[in-house]
């Protein structure tokens, strides 16, 4: 079987279940961004994060594949998917992972900038892509019904990625990069 089919040459793609839609359809944007997030998590894992983080990310990548499959399915055909949808147990697993990471971290008293170790920086990148995926799923859900658990999962995942970025810095011995607000020119003694 060849990788190319030429069926998308007209600017359309097939959803699972047979429906064809434009490649810029909101649903395609949603599952494409979830796929991008999964790819970014692959890059995070290529930085060889500590095992405690890598195990979480491996589970998340599998969850995201199920999220993408559901989004790539024609409305009403979800029961035909070969995978179980992401639901309450997966959301609870994210919350438990957030709690474990936060319990090991010092209290957050400042805004944190993306940075620190390579793993933490890559996790911050993943977090921003996750937020975009969440926005794309919300947009797609305005046009046709999507399960609310998809948005909840992505919302919780972005929180987890932030916590894991901080934990990655801690485990590497690097401090979080803290945001330093600009001082008013009169406070610093400079003038224009």
Protein backbone atom coordinates (compact mmCIF):
# COMPACT_ATOMS: atom_id res chain seq x y z
CA UNK A 1 0.00 0.00 0.00
CA UNK A 2 1.37 3.42 -0.94
CA UNK A 3 1.57 6.27 1.55
CA UNK A 4 -0.02 8.72 -0.87
CA UNK A 5 -3.60 8.28 -2.10
CA UNK A 6 -4.06 11.53 -4.06
CA UNK A 7 -7.60 11.78 -2.62
CA UNK A 8 -6.60 14.93 -0.71
CA UNK A 9 -5.31 16.74 -3.76
CA UNK A 10 -8.61 18.62 -3.95
CA UNK A 11 -8.11 20.11 -0.48
CA UNK A 12 -10.32 17.65 1.37
CA UNK A 13 -9.65 14.82 3.78
CA UNK A 14 -11.71 11.90 4.99
CA UNK A 15 -12.94 11.61 8.54
CA UNK A 16 -13.18 8.12 10.02
CA UNK A 17 -16.61 6.95 8.98
CA UNK A 18 -16.45 8.24 5.42
CA UNK A 19 -17.36 11.94 5.56
CA UNK A 20 -15.07 14.24 3.54
CA UNK A 21 -14.36 17.74 4.80
CA UNK A 22 -12.00 20.56 3.88
CA UNK A 23 -8.49 20.26 5.27
CA UNK A 24 -9.10 23.61 7.00
CA UNK A 25 -12.31 22.36 8.69
CA UNK A 26 -12.46 23.16 12.42
CA UNK A 27 -12.43 19.46 13.31
CA UNK A 28 -9.31 18.89 11.19
CA UNK A 29 -7.65 21.91 12.82
CA UNK A 30 -8.47 20.38 16.21
CA UNK A 31 -7.10 16.91 15.58
CA UNK A 32 -4.14 18.35 13.66
CA UNK A 33 -3.18 20.48 16.66
CA UNK A 34 -3.58 17.49 18.99
CA UNK A 35 -1.26 15.59 16.64
CA UNK A 36 1.22 18.49 16.75
CA UNK A 37 1.09 18.40 20.56
CA UNK A 38 1.82 14.67 20.48
CA UNK A 39 4.81 15.33 18.21
CA UNK A 40 6.12 18.04 20.57
CA UNK A 41 5.82 15.57 23.45
CA UNK A 42 7.93 13.18 21.37
CA UNK A 43 10.56 15.91 21.23
CA UNK A 44 10.30 16.40 24.99
CA UNK A 45 10.87 12.68 25.48
CA UNK A 46 13.88 12.84 23.14
CA UNK A 47 15.55 15.13 25.71
CA UNK A 48 15.67 12.02 27.93
CA UNK A 49 13.70 13.39 30.88
CA UNK A 50 13.84 11.68 34.26
CA UNK A 51 11.95 8.40 34.33
CA UNK A 52 9.16 9.74 36.57
CA UNK A 53 8.34 12.35 33.90
CA UNK A 54 8.88 10.08 30.91
CA UNK A 55 6.39 7.51 32.18
CA UNK A 56 3.72 10.20 32.54
CA UNK A 57 4.46 11.56 29.06
CA UNK A 58 4.25 8.10 27.51
CA UNK A 59 0.76 7.62 28.95
CA UNK A 60 -0.24 11.12 27.79
CA UNK A 61 0.94 10.41 24.24
CA UNK A 62 -1.28 7.33 24.13
CA UNK A 63 -4.21 9.36 25.49
CA UNK A 64 -3.64 12.06 22.87
CA UNK A 65 -3.77 9.48 20.11
CA UNK A 66 -7.23 8.49 21.37
CA UNK A 67 -8.27 12.16 21.57
CA UNK A 68 -7.10 12.70 18.00
CA UNK A 69 -8.92 9.57 16.79
CA UNK A 70 -12.17 10.77 18.34
CA UNK A 71 -11.79 14.20 16.75
CA UNK A 72 -10.98 12.60 13.38
CA UNK A 73 -14.19 10.58 13.50
CA UNK A 74 -17.30 11.62 11.61
CA UNK A 75 -20.02 12.78 14.02
CA UNK A 76 -22.13 9.85 15.19
CA UNK A 77 -19.53 7.23 14.25
CA UNK A 78 -17.47 7.34 17.45
CA UNK A 79 -18.74 3.93 18.61
CA UNK A 80 -16.88 2.38 15.67
CA UNK A 81 -13.49 3.50 16.98
CA UNK A 82 -11.18 0.72 18.10
CA UNK A 83 -9.98 2.67 21.16
CA UNK A 84 -11.75 3.65 24.34
CA UNK A 85 -12.30 7.42 24.57
CA UNK A 86 -10.38 9.54 27.05
CA UNK A 87 -12.68 10.04 30.02
CA UNK A 88 -12.79 10.43 33.80
CA UNK A 89 -10.00 7.95 34.66
CA UNK A 90 -7.50 9.68 32.37
CA UNK A 91 -8.45 13.11 33.72
CA UNK A 92 -8.05 11.79 37.28
CA UNK A 93 -4.61 10.40 36.35
CA UNK A 94 -3.56 13.87 35.14
CA UNK A 95 -4.77 15.44 38.37
CA UNK A 96 -2.87 12.87 40.45
CA UNK A 97 0.30 13.55 38.43
CA UNK A 98 -0.13 17.31 38.93
CA UNK A 99 -0.52 16.79 42.69
CA UNK A 100 2.61 14.58 42.87
CA UNK A 101 4.67 17.11 40.93
CA UNK A 102 3.42 20.08 42.97
CA UNK A 103 4.00 18.28 46.28
CA UNK A 104 7.70 18.03 45.38
CA UNK A 105 8.02 21.68 44.33
CA UNK A 106 8.46 24.87 46.35
CA UNK A 107 5.42 27.12 46.47
CA UNK A 108 5.05 29.33 43.43
CA UNK A 109 5.36 33.01 44.35
CA UNK A 110 6.27 34.52 40.96
CA UNK A 111 5.33 34.11 37.36
CA UNK A 112 7.59 31.63 35.59
CA UNK A 113 9.06 32.22 32.14
CA UNK A 114 9.65 29.28 29.79
CA UNK A 115 13.23 28.15 30.24
CA UNK A 116 15.73 26.41 32.43
CA UNK A 117 16.71 22.94 31.33
CA UNK A 118 16.15 21.65 27.79
CA UNK A 119 13.43 19.32 29.08
CA UNK A 120 11.65 22.10 30.97
CA UNK A 121 11.82 24.42 27.96
CA UNK A 122 10.38 21.71 25.71
CA UNK A 123 7.61 21.05 28.24
CA UNK A 124 6.73 24.76 28.23
CA UNK A 125 6.55 24.60 24.43
CA UNK A 126 4.24 21.58 24.70
CA UNK A 127 2.09 23.51 27.19
CA UNK A 128 1.53 26.33 24.70
CA UNK A 129 0.63 23.89 21.93
CA UNK A 130 -1.74 22.18 24.37
CA UNK A 131 -3.51 25.47 25.04
CA UNK A 132 -3.89 26.00 21.28
CA UNK A 133 -5.29 22.47 20.91
CA UNK A 134 -7.80 23.27 23.64
CA UNK A 135 -8.88 26.41 21.76
CA UNK A 136 -9.22 24.46 18.49
CA UNK A 137 -11.35 21.78 20.16
CA UNK A 138 -13.57 24.49 21.68
CA UNK A 139 -13.99 26.08 18.25
CA UNK A 140 -14.83 22.75 16.62
CA UNK A 141 -17.32 22.05 19.41
CA UNK A 142 -19.26 25.19 18.55
CA UNK A 143 -20.06 23.81 15.10
CA UNK A 144 -20.90 20.25 16.14
CA UNK A 145 -21.20 18.35 19.38
CA UNK A 146 -17.95 17.18 20.95
CA UNK A 147 -17.68 15.58 24.36
CA UNK A 148 -16.80 18.09 27.06
CA UNK A 149 -14.24 15.62 28.47
CA UNK A 150 -11.95 16.43 25.54
CA UNK A 151 -11.66 20.08 26.66
CA UNK A 152 -11.34 19.11 30.32
CA UNK A 153 -8.54 16.67 29.46
CA UNK A 154 -6.60 19.28 27.47
CA UNK A 155 -7.14 21.94 30.13
CA UNK A 156 -5.81 19.63 32.83
CA UNK A 157 -2.95 18.50 30.57
CA UNK A 158 -1.69 22.06 30.12
CA UNK A 159 -1.59 22.42 33.91
CA UNK A 160 0.33 19.15 34.15
CA UNK A 161 2.86 20.24 31.53
CA UNK A 162 3.52 23.43 33.52
CA UNK A 163 4.03 21.43 36.72
CA UNK A 164 6.29 18.94 34.92
CA UNK A 165 8.37 21.79 33.45
CA UNK A 166 9.00 23.08 36.97
CA UNK A 167 9.74 19.56 38.19
CA UNK A 168 12.16 18.99 35.30
CA UNK A 169 14.07 22.10 36.32
CA UNK A 170 14.12 20.97 39.94
CA UNK A 171 15.36 17.47 39.05
CA UNK A 172 18.10 18.94 36.84
CA UNK A 173 19.23 21.33 39.57
CA UNK A 174 18.19 24.37 37.53
CA UNK A 175 16.03 27.12 39.02
CA UNK A 176 12.83 28.20 37.33
CA UNK A 177 13.26 31.31 35.22
CA UNK A 178 11.27 33.95 37.08
CA UNK A 179 9.59 36.90 35.43
CA UNK A 180 11.08 40.20 36.49
CA UNK A 181 8.60 43.05 36.09
CA UNK A 182 10.01 46.18 34.54
CA UNK A 183 10.72 48.97 36.95
CA UNK A 184 9.26 52.38 36.37
CA UNK A 185 11.97 54.71 35.02
CA UNK A 186 11.52 57.03 37.98
CA UNK A 187 12.18 54.13 40.36
CA UNK A 188 15.45 53.19 38.65
CA UNK A 189 16.74 56.74 38.56
CA UNK A 190 17.00 56.89 34.77
CA UNK A 191 15.44 59.49 32.60
CA UNK A 192 14.84 59.87 28.88
